Amino acid sequence: MLSRKGQEIQGKKLPKEWVDEVTQLLHSVYRPDCDRLQKKFEIYGFIYPNELWLAVSLLDRSDNSVIPVTCILSSDIDTGCKIIPRLRQLLDSAGFFFDHFFADKEWDDYVPDWQLKEDITGDFYYLVTRENIALSLQADELLRSKIEN
């Protein structure tokens, strides 16, 4: 399970339109770096009753075996929480991370455990891994289907 809170239920996926729009935005902002490194962005996200979870992965464009760099962010939410402003906060933080990542050719500052970031717009948690989220989601689906059968 990818969730910081170890969710027992399957989260609701972020709207495809939002994911597509943000993916295009990231590609346009970081086009020179992505072109130079032959990379692409993929975004994944889930809304749980008490957590908003977002992952932004930078993957090789042509070789799926190249290990990605993934920034994963999580924020506590409740029933009255406005999701889009909170998503924007998490996305801004992912952008801040990738600004630093692309600026440092020797970057190697992975953060494999959840870290709290206190922010005036709201606290959130983050980690930076080499995890391929698409593969992790496929593994979760396989495990879920085994349990159901």
Protein backbone atom coordinates (compact mmCIF):
# COMPACT_ATOMS: atom_id res chain seq x y z
CA MET A 1 0.00 0.00 0.00
CA LEU A 2 1.41 3.37 -1.00
CA SER A 3 -0.54 5.49 1.44
CA ARG A 4 1.25 7.12 4.36
CA LYS A 5 -1.62 6.14 6.63
CA GLY A 6 -1.82 2.49 5.51
CA GLN A 7 -5.35 2.84 4.18
CA GLU A 8 -7.58 -0.23 4.36
CA ILE A 9 -9.81 0.93 1.50
CA GLN A 10 -8.98 1.73 -2.12
CA GLY A 11 -8.66 5.46 -2.63
CA LYS A 12 -10.52 7.39 -5.30
CA LYS A 13 -8.23 8.26 -8.21
CA LEU A 14 -7.62 11.91 -8.99
CA PRO A 15 -9.65 13.17 -11.95
CA LYS A 16 -7.97 12.21 -15.24
CA GLU A 17 -8.46 15.72 -16.63
CA TRP A 18 -6.54 17.23 -13.71
CA VAL A 19 -3.75 14.65 -13.98
CA ASP A 20 -3.45 15.23 -17.75
CA GLU A 21 -3.42 19.01 -17.34
CA VAL A 22 -0.76 18.92 -14.62
CA THR A 23 1.38 16.43 -16.56
CA GLN A 24 1.33 18.77 -19.57
CA LEU A 25 2.19 21.70 -17.31
CA LEU A 26 5.20 19.89 -15.82
CA HIS A 27 6.41 18.89 -19.28
CA SER A 28 6.17 22.48 -20.49
CA VAL A 29 7.92 23.94 -17.42
CA TYR A 30 10.73 21.37 -17.44
CA ARG A 31 10.92 20.71 -21.20
CA PRO A 32 14.61 21.65 -21.63
CA ASP A 33 15.64 19.39 -18.74
CA CYS A 34 13.37 16.54 -19.80
CA ASP A 35 14.60 16.75 -23.39
CA ARG A 36 18.25 16.84 -22.30
CA LEU A 37 17.83 13.82 -20.01
CA GLN A 38 15.23 12.02 -22.16
CA LYS A 39 12.75 11.94 -19.25
CA LYS A 40 9.00 12.24 -18.84
CA PHE A 41 6.64 12.87 -15.94
CA GLU A 42 3.86 10.63 -14.68
CA ILE A 43 1.44 11.65 -11.95
CA TYR A 44 -0.59 9.44 -9.66
CA GLY A 45 -2.93 10.42 -6.90
CA PHE A 46 -5.63 9.14 -4.60
CA ILE A 47 -8.19 10.73 -2.34
CA TYR A 48 -8.94 8.82 0.85
CA PRO A 49 -11.43 9.90 3.52
CA ASN A 50 -8.60 11.30 5.67
CA GLU A 51 -5.65 11.64 3.28
CA LEU A 52 -4.73 13.19 -0.04
CA TRP A 53 -1.86 11.30 -1.72
CA LEU A 54 0.12 12.53 -4.75
CA ALA A 55 3.15 11.07 -6.53
CA VAL A 56 5.14 12.77 -9.29
CA SER A 57 7.58 10.45 -11.04
CA LEU A 58 10.33 11.31 -13.49
CA LEU A 59 10.90 8.34 -15.78
CA ASP A 60 13.05 7.48 -18.75
CA ARG A 61 11.14 8.09 -21.99
CA SER A 62 12.19 4.91 -23.75
CA ASP A 63 13.53 2.43 -21.20
CA ASN A 64 11.15 1.22 -18.48
CA SER A 65 14.00 -0.55 -16.69
CA VAL A 66 15.68 2.75 -15.75
CA ILE A 67 14.84 3.50 -12.13
CA PRO A 68 12.77 6.71 -11.75
CA VAL A 69 12.94 9.54 -9.25
CA THR A 70 9.63 9.91 -7.45
CA CYS A 71 8.42 12.64 -5.13
CA ILE A 72 5.50 11.43 -3.02
CA LEU A 73 3.40 13.84 -0.99
CA SER A 74 0.62 13.26 1.52
CA SER A 75 -1.70 15.62 3.34
CA ASP A 76 -4.27 15.02 6.06
CA ILE A 77 -7.77 15.97 4.99
CA ASP A 78 -11.27 15.82 6.40
CA THR A 79 -14.75 15.96 4.89
CA GLY A 80 -14.74 19.77 4.67
CA CYS A 81 -11.36 20.01 2.94
CA LYS A 82 -11.22 21.65 -0.48
CA ILE A 83 -9.23 19.16 -2.55
CA ILE A 84 -8.04 21.32 -5.46
CA PRO A 85 -6.30 24.00 -3.33
CA ARG A 86 -4.61 21.25 -1.32
CA LEU A 87 -3.54 19.50 -4.53
CA ARG A 88 -2.06 22.78 -5.77
CA GLN A 89 -0.05 23.07 -2.54
CA LEU A 90 1.30 19.54 -2.98
CA LEU A 91 2.05 20.15 -6.65
CA ASP A 92 3.89 23.39 -5.84
CA SER A 93 6.01 21.44 -3.38
CA ALA A 94 6.75 18.76 -5.99
CA GLY A 95 7.74 21.56 -8.38
CA PHE A 96 10.06 23.00 -5.73
CA PHE A 97 11.66 19.56 -5.40
CA PHE A 98 12.15 19.16 -9.17
CA ASP A 99 13.59 22.69 -9.43
CA HIS A 100 16.33 21.55 -7.04
CA PHE A 101 16.68 18.16 -8.70
CA PHE A 102 17.28 19.62 -12.16
CA ALA A 103 19.56 22.40 -10.84
CA ASP A 104 22.03 19.95 -9.26
CA LYS A 105 23.74 17.54 -11.67
CA GLU A 106 25.06 15.56 -8.69
CA TRP A 107 21.70 15.38 -6.90
CA ASP A 108 21.37 12.27 -4.74
CA ASP A 109 19.30 13.34 -1.76
CA TYR A 110 16.68 10.62 -1.39
CA VAL A 111 14.36 10.78 1.62
CA PRO A 112 12.96 7.25 2.01
CA ASP A 113 10.92 7.95 5.18
CA TRP A 114 7.98 10.30 5.55
CA GLN A 115 9.08 13.80 6.58
CA LEU A 116 6.75 16.49 7.93
CA LYS A 117 6.89 19.86 6.17
CA GLU A 118 5.18 22.65 8.05
CA ASP A 119 3.83 25.28 5.71
CA ILE A 120 1.70 28.38 6.21
CA THR A 121 -0.80 26.98 3.69
CA GLY A 122 -1.01 23.66 5.54
CA ASP A 123 1.27 20.91 6.75
CA PHE A 124 2.07 17.94 4.55
CA TYR A 125 4.38 14.95 4.42
CA TYR A 126 6.82 13.98 1.68
CA LEU A 127 9.37 11.39 0.69
CA VAL A 128 11.65 11.00 -2.31
CA THR A 129 12.28 7.51 -3.62
CA ARG A 130 13.33 5.47 -6.63
CA GLU A 131 9.96 3.71 -6.61
CA ASN A 132 8.18 3.03 -9.87
CA ILE A 133 4.62 3.88 -8.84
CA ALA A 134 3.06 2.22 -11.90
CA LEU A 135 4.69 -1.09 -10.94
CA SER A 136 3.67 -0.71 -7.29
CA LEU A 137 0.07 -0.07 -8.33
CA GLN A 138 0.14 -3.17 -10.56
CA ALA A 139 1.49 -5.23 -7.66
CA ASP A 140 -1.24 -3.88 -5.35
CA GLU A 141 -3.87 -4.82 -7.93
CA LEU A 142 -2.48 -8.36 -8.27
CA LEU A 143 -2.49 -8.80 -4.50
CA ARG A 144 -6.02 -7.43 -4.23
CA SER A 145 -7.28 -9.79 -6.93
CA LYS A 146 -5.59 -12.78 -5.19
CA ILE A 147 -7.27 -11.89 -1.91
CA GLU A 148 -10.68 -11.50 -3.56
CA ASN A 149 -10.45 -14.88 -5.33
